[in-house]
Amino acid sequence: MVIYTILADLKVRCCSNTTEIHFLRFWEARNVRKAGELMSLDMLLIDENVNISFPINTVDD
């Protein structure tokens, strides 16, 4: 049986639970029709059994 909670349903409060997420950027390109606007396809992975974390890199225009 899979038990899950949608991210929008998570509430900020004092508790002993931790959520571990990984954010992946699969694809990145500039839209030439919209003045070089940055476009990307992102994926958020959540795993309750993960015990390591990776840094999230950001793209600055």
C-alpha atoms as a PDB file:
ATOM      1  CA  MET A   1       0.000   0.000   0.000  1.00  0.00           C
ATOM      2  CA  VAL A   2       1.393   3.390  -1.021  1.00  0.00           C
ATOM      3  CA  ILE A   3       0.838   6.298   1.362  1.00  0.00           C
ATOM      4  CA  TYR A   4       1.546   9.766  -0.004  1.00  0.00           C
ATOM      5  CA  THR A   5       0.779  13.446   0.502  1.00  0.00           C
ATOM      6  CA  ILE A   6       0.571  16.012  -2.280  1.00  0.00           C
ATOM      7  CA  LEU A   7       3.057  18.893  -1.807  1.00  0.00           C
ATOM      8  CA  ALA A   8       0.238  21.457  -1.828  1.00  0.00           C
ATOM      9  CA  ASP A   9      -1.307  19.658   1.175  1.00  0.00           C
ATOM     10  CA  LEU A  10       1.831  19.873   3.349  1.00  0.00           C
ATOM     11  CA  LYS A  11       1.533  22.282   6.268  1.00  0.00           C
ATOM     12  CA  VAL A  12       4.362  24.054   8.094  1.00  0.00           C
ATOM     13  CA  ARG A  13       4.278  23.071  11.756  1.00  0.00           C
ATOM     14  CA  CYS A  14       6.471  21.658  14.475  1.00  0.00           C
ATOM     15  CA  CYS A  15       6.786  17.910  14.011  1.00  0.00           C
ATOM     16  CA  SER A  16       9.357  15.131  13.878  1.00  0.00           C
ATOM     17  CA  ASN A  17       8.796  14.226  10.195  1.00  0.00           C
ATOM     18  CA  THR A  18      11.191  15.219   7.409  1.00  0.00           C
ATOM     19  CA  THR A  19      10.545  15.422   3.667  1.00  0.00           C
ATOM     20  CA  GLU A  20      13.478  14.618   1.384  1.00  0.00           C
ATOM     21  CA  ILE A  21      13.221  15.912  -2.193  1.00  0.00           C
ATOM     22  CA  HIS A  22      15.442  15.980  -5.278  1.00  0.00           C
ATOM     23  CA  PHE A  23      14.961  18.612  -7.954  1.00  0.00           C
ATOM     24  CA  LEU A  24      16.200  17.751 -11.461  1.00  0.00           C
ATOM     25  CA  ARG A  25      16.453  20.065 -14.472  1.00  0.00           C
ATOM     26  CA  PHE A  26      16.155  17.903 -17.580  1.00  0.00           C
ATOM     27  CA  TRP A  27      16.130  20.478 -20.308  1.00  0.00           C
ATOM     28  CA  GLU A  28      17.000  24.127 -20.756  1.00  0.00           C
ATOM     29  CA  ALA A  29      16.734  26.476 -23.759  1.00  0.00           C
ATOM     30  CA  ARG A  30      16.144  30.113 -24.690  1.00  0.00           C
ATOM     31  CA  ASN A  31      12.902  31.057 -26.473  1.00  0.00           C
ATOM     32  CA  VAL A  32      13.984  33.251 -29.410  1.00  0.00           C
ATOM     33  CA  ARG A  33      10.379  34.375 -30.032  1.00  0.00           C
ATOM     34  CA  LYS A  34      10.079  35.830 -26.507  1.00  0.00           C
ATOM     35  CA  ALA A  35      13.278  37.896 -26.213  1.00  0.00           C
ATOM     36  CA  GLY A  36      15.421  34.956 -25.116  1.00  0.00           C
ATOM     37  CA  GLU A  37      13.152  33.913 -22.216  1.00  0.00           C
ATOM     38  CA  LEU A  38      14.604  30.906 -20.355  1.00  0.00           C
ATOM     39  CA  MET A  39      12.518  27.729 -20.694  1.00  0.00           C
ATOM     40  CA  SER A  40      13.111  24.468 -18.854  1.00  0.00           C
ATOM     41  CA  LEU A  41      11.524  21.166 -17.942  1.00  0.00           C
ATOM     42  CA  ASP A  42      11.887  20.392 -14.236  1.00  0.00           C
ATOM     43  CA  MET A  43      11.072  17.311 -12.182  1.00  0.00           C
ATOM     44  CA  LEU A  44      10.681  17.021  -8.421  1.00  0.00           C
ATOM     45  CA  LEU A  45      11.411  13.585  -6.921  1.00  0.00           C
ATOM     46  CA  ILE A  46      10.350  12.718  -3.390  1.00  0.00           C
ATOM     47  CA  ASP A  47      11.594   9.571  -1.685  1.00  0.00           C
ATOM     48  CA  GLU A  48      10.833   8.736   1.941  1.00  0.00           C
ATOM     49  CA  ASN A  49      13.721   6.247   2.091  1.00  0.00           C
ATOM     50  CA  VAL A  50      16.484   8.558   0.835  1.00  0.00           C
ATOM     51  CA  ASN A  51      19.260   9.365   3.294  1.00  0.00           C
ATOM     52  CA  ILE A  52      21.549  11.607   1.191  1.00  0.00           C
ATOM     53  CA  SER A  53      20.899  15.037  -0.271  1.00  0.00           C
ATOM     54  CA  PHE A  54      22.246  16.836  -3.321  1.00  0.00           C
ATOM     55  CA  PRO A  55      22.739  20.596  -3.795  1.00  0.00           C
ATOM     56  CA  ILE A  56      20.294  22.414  -6.055  1.00  0.00           C
ATOM     57  CA  ASN A  57      21.978  24.551  -8.715  1.00  0.00           C
ATOM     58  CA  THR A  58      20.215  27.690  -9.912  1.00  0.00           C
ATOM     59  CA  VAL A  59      20.396  29.488 -13.254  1.00  0.00           C
ATOM     60  CA  ASP A  60      20.844  33.251 -13.136  1.00  0.00           C
ATOM     61  CA  ASP A  61      19.999  35.379 -16.173  1.00  0.00           C
END
